[in-house]
Each structure stands twice: as C-alpha cells, then as structure tokens.
Amino acid sequence: MYNLPNFVHTHFDKPAEELGDIEKRVLKKAHERKIISTDVNAALSAEASVGQRLADDIARIGGSWGFIISFLTFLAVWTVINTIVLATRAFDPYPFIFLNLLLSMIAAIQAPIIMMSQNRQTERDRFEAAKDYEVNLKAELEVLSLHQKIDLQVLTELSSLRQEVSQLTTILAAKG
C-alpha cells in the first residue's frame, strides 16, 4: 500500500520506534486492509462476569422511575398499615424503626452495587474512546494514503501531458 517507514515519518512526525501500541496496531490493520472498528457492546458483554452483569441490572432497575414509584408505594403502604390499619397491634409502630433498619440495609447494599456499575460505565467510556481514536486514526491514514495516490496520479498525468505537448510542439515547429 505504501512505504511504511516513509509513511510513518511523513504522517506521524516521529520515527516508527516511537509509535505507541495503538498507532502500531492501527498501521498494521491499515497495511493489511482490515477493518478496525468493533461492536463495543458485544466486546464488553463478552468480557462481563455474572457479578458485573448483575450490578448493571440492579443499577438499571434501581435508577428507573418504575422502581422509585413502586418503592414510594411500598413506603406509603407500610406507613398506612402500621399507623391506621394495625393501630393497636402494629408490627412496626411510629417512628418505624424496623422500616428504618430495612432502608439502611438496602442503601448499604445498593450503593456499592451502583458504584460498581458506574465504574463499569467509566471503563466502557474509556474503551469506546480508545476505539474511536483507533477508527479515527485509521480513517485519517486512509485519507492521507488516498491523497498520496491521487497526487501521484495527477503528477503522472501532468508528466504525460508535458511530454505530449512537447511532442506536439516539436511536430508543429517542424511543419511550420
């Protein structure tokens, strides 16, 4: 496709030995004419453990309006049952100490799980950024390669046209 050391020096402004792993991988893929883009969702799903998928699911459910509305409904029902329905024999009378304990335990468990999911989202964002960089770099290299090919073609055609004009000039001068 192109002279690799010359191409690297021309387009990266540094010797090939100073290129990073990503640049080397992109150059190799470009040289082999292979695609570099990947399905980020599939790549991350394949690497995810059961615990990571569970953390993502819990965070997705815990952060939904359906969960918030159903949890508010549960709290309202709990409060009504323990103040009005079971006024004399409430299993958790006001100030709802048992409910407080349950909420604290749920929060203590849910918070780290949501943080795990957020950490995975951060990893996903980094992975996507790296993939975007690779794809953009390969696209730039391909565009530069096409520019070189077009420039070479134009120079070849100009040289050919010069020779033809020179020949025509010689022929016209000989006739004239």
Protein backbone atom coordinates (compact mmCIF):
# COMPACT_ATOMS: atom_id res chain seq x y z
CA MET A 1 0.00 0.00 0.00
CA TYR A 2 2.75 2.45 0.96
CA ASN A 3 6.33 2.59 2.12
CA LEU A 4 5.80 2.12 5.86
CA PRO A 5 8.89 3.86 7.34
CA ASN A 6 8.48 6.82 4.98
CA PHE A 7 4.74 6.93 5.64
CA VAL A 8 5.28 6.88 9.42
CA HIS A 9 7.87 9.63 9.28
CA THR A 10 5.77 11.79 6.94
CA HIS A 11 2.47 11.49 8.80
CA PHE A 12 3.43 10.98 12.43
CA ASP A 13 6.40 13.37 12.65
CA LYS A 14 8.33 10.79 14.65
CA PRO A 15 10.24 7.60 13.92
CA ALA A 16 8.42 4.27 13.85
CA GLU A 17 10.20 3.18 17.05
CA GLU A 18 8.48 5.96 19.00
CA LEU A 19 4.95 4.99 17.97
CA GLY A 20 2.64 3.71 20.68
CA ASP A 21 0.91 0.34 20.67
CA ILE A 22 -2.32 1.82 19.35
CA GLU A 23 -0.60 3.55 16.43
CA LYS A 24 1.32 0.38 15.57
CA ARG A 25 -1.85 -1.72 15.69
CA VAL A 26 -3.73 0.79 13.51
CA LEU A 27 -0.87 0.95 10.99
CA LYS A 28 -0.75 -2.84 10.84
CA LYS A 29 -4.52 -3.07 10.26
CA ALA A 30 -4.35 -0.31 7.63
CA HIS A 31 -1.45 -2.04 5.90
CA GLU A 32 -3.38 -5.35 5.91
CA ARG A 33 -6.51 -3.53 4.68
CA LYS A 34 -8.57 -4.90 7.58
CA ILE A 35 -11.31 -3.13 9.48
CA ILE A 36 -10.54 -1.89 12.95
CA SER A 37 -13.96 -0.94 14.29
CA THR A 38 -15.68 -3.31 16.68
CA ASP A 39 -19.07 -3.61 18.30
CA VAL A 40 -18.36 -2.10 21.71
CA ASN A 41 -21.50 -3.60 23.27
CA ALA A 42 -20.61 -7.10 22.13
CA ALA A 43 -16.98 -6.77 23.20
CA LEU A 44 -17.88 -5.58 26.69
CA SER A 45 -20.73 -8.06 27.13
CA ALA A 46 -18.44 -10.94 26.25
CA GLU A 47 -15.95 -9.88 28.93
CA ALA A 48 -18.52 -9.14 31.66
CA SER A 49 -18.73 -11.51 34.61
CA VAL A 50 -22.03 -12.59 36.16
CA GLY A 51 -21.46 -10.18 39.06
CA GLN A 52 -20.82 -7.28 36.71
CA ARG A 53 -23.95 -8.00 34.68
CA LEU A 54 -25.95 -8.31 37.93
CA ALA A 55 -24.57 -4.97 39.17
CA ASP A 56 -25.56 -3.33 35.87
CA ASP A 57 -29.06 -4.80 36.08
CA ILE A 58 -29.53 -3.68 39.70
CA ALA A 59 -28.30 -0.17 38.86
CA ARG A 60 -30.58 -0.05 35.81
CA ILE A 61 -33.62 -1.13 37.87
CA GLY A 62 -32.72 0.99 40.93
CA GLY A 63 -32.38 4.09 38.78
CA SER A 64 -35.71 3.72 37.00
CA TRP A 65 -38.97 5.58 37.57
CA GLY A 66 -40.75 2.26 37.91
CA PHE A 67 -38.57 1.36 40.90
CA ILE A 68 -38.94 4.79 42.51
CA ILE A 69 -42.73 4.78 42.16
CA SER A 70 -43.09 1.20 43.40
CA PHE A 71 -40.76 1.92 46.35
CA LEU A 72 -42.73 5.05 47.27
CA THR A 73 -45.91 2.96 47.06
CA PHE A 74 -44.33 0.34 49.35
CA LEU A 75 -43.36 3.04 51.87
CA ALA A 76 -46.85 4.54 51.80
CA VAL A 77 -48.49 1.12 52.28
CA TRP A 78 -46.07 0.29 55.13
CA THR A 79 -46.87 3.60 56.83
CA VAL A 80 -50.64 3.24 56.42
CA ILE A 81 -50.66 -0.37 57.66
CA ASN A 82 -48.57 0.44 60.74
CA THR A 83 -50.44 3.63 61.72
CA ILE A 84 -54.06 3.19 60.66
CA VAL A 85 -54.86 -0.49 59.93
CA LEU A 86 -52.87 -2.02 62.78
CA ALA A 87 -53.17 0.95 65.13
CA THR A 88 -53.17 -1.16 68.29
CA ARG A 89 -51.08 -4.13 67.15
CA ALA A 90 -48.64 -2.59 64.63
CA PHE A 91 -45.55 -4.72 63.97
CA ASP A 92 -43.52 -1.53 63.34
CA PRO A 93 -45.17 1.39 65.15
CA TYR A 94 -44.23 5.01 64.58
CA PRO A 95 -41.29 6.10 64.23
CA PHE A 96 -40.92 2.94 62.08
CA ILE A 97 -37.60 1.70 63.45
CA PHE A 98 -37.78 -1.62 61.58
CA LEU A 99 -38.50 0.20 58.30
CA ASN A 100 -35.55 2.47 59.01
CA LEU A 101 -33.36 -0.60 59.51
CA LEU A 102 -34.56 -2.13 56.23
CA LEU A 103 -33.97 1.11 54.33
CA SER A 104 -30.48 1.45 55.79
CA MET A 105 -29.60 -2.12 54.83
CA ILE A 106 -30.93 -1.66 51.31
CA ALA A 107 -28.96 1.59 50.93
CA ALA A 108 -25.82 -0.05 52.33
CA ILE A 109 -26.06 -2.83 49.76
CA GLN A 110 -27.36 -0.80 46.84
CA ALA A 111 -24.77 2.00 46.99
CA PRO A 112 -21.67 -0.17 46.35
CA ILE A 113 -23.52 -2.10 43.64
CA ILE A 114 -24.40 1.15 41.86
CA MET A 115 -20.78 2.31 42.26
CA MET A 116 -19.60 -0.95 40.65
CA SER A 117 -21.91 -0.29 37.73
CA GLN A 118 -20.67 3.29 37.44
CA ASN A 119 -17.09 2.02 37.41
CA ARG A 120 -18.01 -0.33 34.59
CA GLN A 121 -19.60 2.58 32.74
CA THR A 122 -16.36 4.53 33.14
CA GLU A 123 -14.41 1.56 31.77
CA ARG A 124 -16.87 1.38 28.89
CA ASP A 125 -16.40 5.09 28.15
CA ARG A 126 -12.60 4.65 28.12
CA PHE A 127 -12.91 1.61 25.85
CA GLU A 128 -15.21 3.50 23.47
CA ALA A 129 -12.84 6.48 23.44
CA ALA A 130 -9.90 4.21 22.60
CA LYS A 131 -11.87 2.53 19.82
CA ASP A 132 -12.98 5.92 18.47
CA TYR A 133 -9.37 7.07 18.44
CA GLU A 134 -8.27 3.94 16.56
CA VAL A 135 -11.03 4.27 13.97
CA ASN A 136 -10.37 8.00 13.52
CA LEU A 137 -6.64 7.41 13.18
CA LYS A 138 -7.16 4.68 10.61
CA ALA A 139 -9.58 6.91 8.69
CA GLU A 140 -7.02 9.72 8.67
CA LEU A 141 -4.31 7.34 7.47
CA GLU A 142 -6.56 6.06 4.69
CA VAL A 143 -7.43 9.60 3.62
CA LEU A 144 -3.74 10.55 3.59
CA SER A 145 -2.96 7.42 1.59
CA LEU A 146 -5.67 8.32 -0.92
CA HIS A 147 -4.28 11.85 -1.17
CA GLN A 148 -0.84 10.41 -1.94
CA LYS A 149 -2.28 8.12 -4.61
CA ILE A 150 -4.25 10.95 -6.19
CA ASP A 151 -1.24 13.28 -6.08
CA LEU A 152 0.92 10.61 -7.71
CA GLN A 153 -1.73 10.03 -10.38
CA VAL A 154 -2.02 13.76 -11.07
CA LEU A 155 1.79 14.11 -11.32
CA THR A 156 1.95 11.14 -13.68
CA GLU A 157 -0.79 12.61 -15.87
CA LEU A 158 0.88 16.04 -15.85
CA SER A 159 4.18 14.49 -16.87
CA SER A 160 2.44 12.59 -19.65
CA LEU A 161 0.69 15.77 -20.80
CA ARG A 162 4.01 17.67 -20.79
CA GLN A 163 5.56 15.01 -22.99
CA GLU A 164 2.60 15.11 -25.38
CA VAL A 165 2.68 18.94 -25.52
CA SER A 166 6.44 18.79 -26.14
CA GLN A 167 5.93 16.27 -28.95
CA LEU A 168 3.15 18.37 -30.46
CA THR A 169 5.29 21.49 -30.20
CA THR A 170 8.14 19.67 -31.95
CA ILE A 171 5.79 18.42 -34.68
CA LEU A 172 4.25 21.90 -35.16
CA ALA A 173 7.70 23.54 -35.23
CA ALA A 174 8.86 21.04 -37.85
CA LYS A 175 5.80 21.71 -40.04
CA GLY A 176 5.91 25.45 -39.55
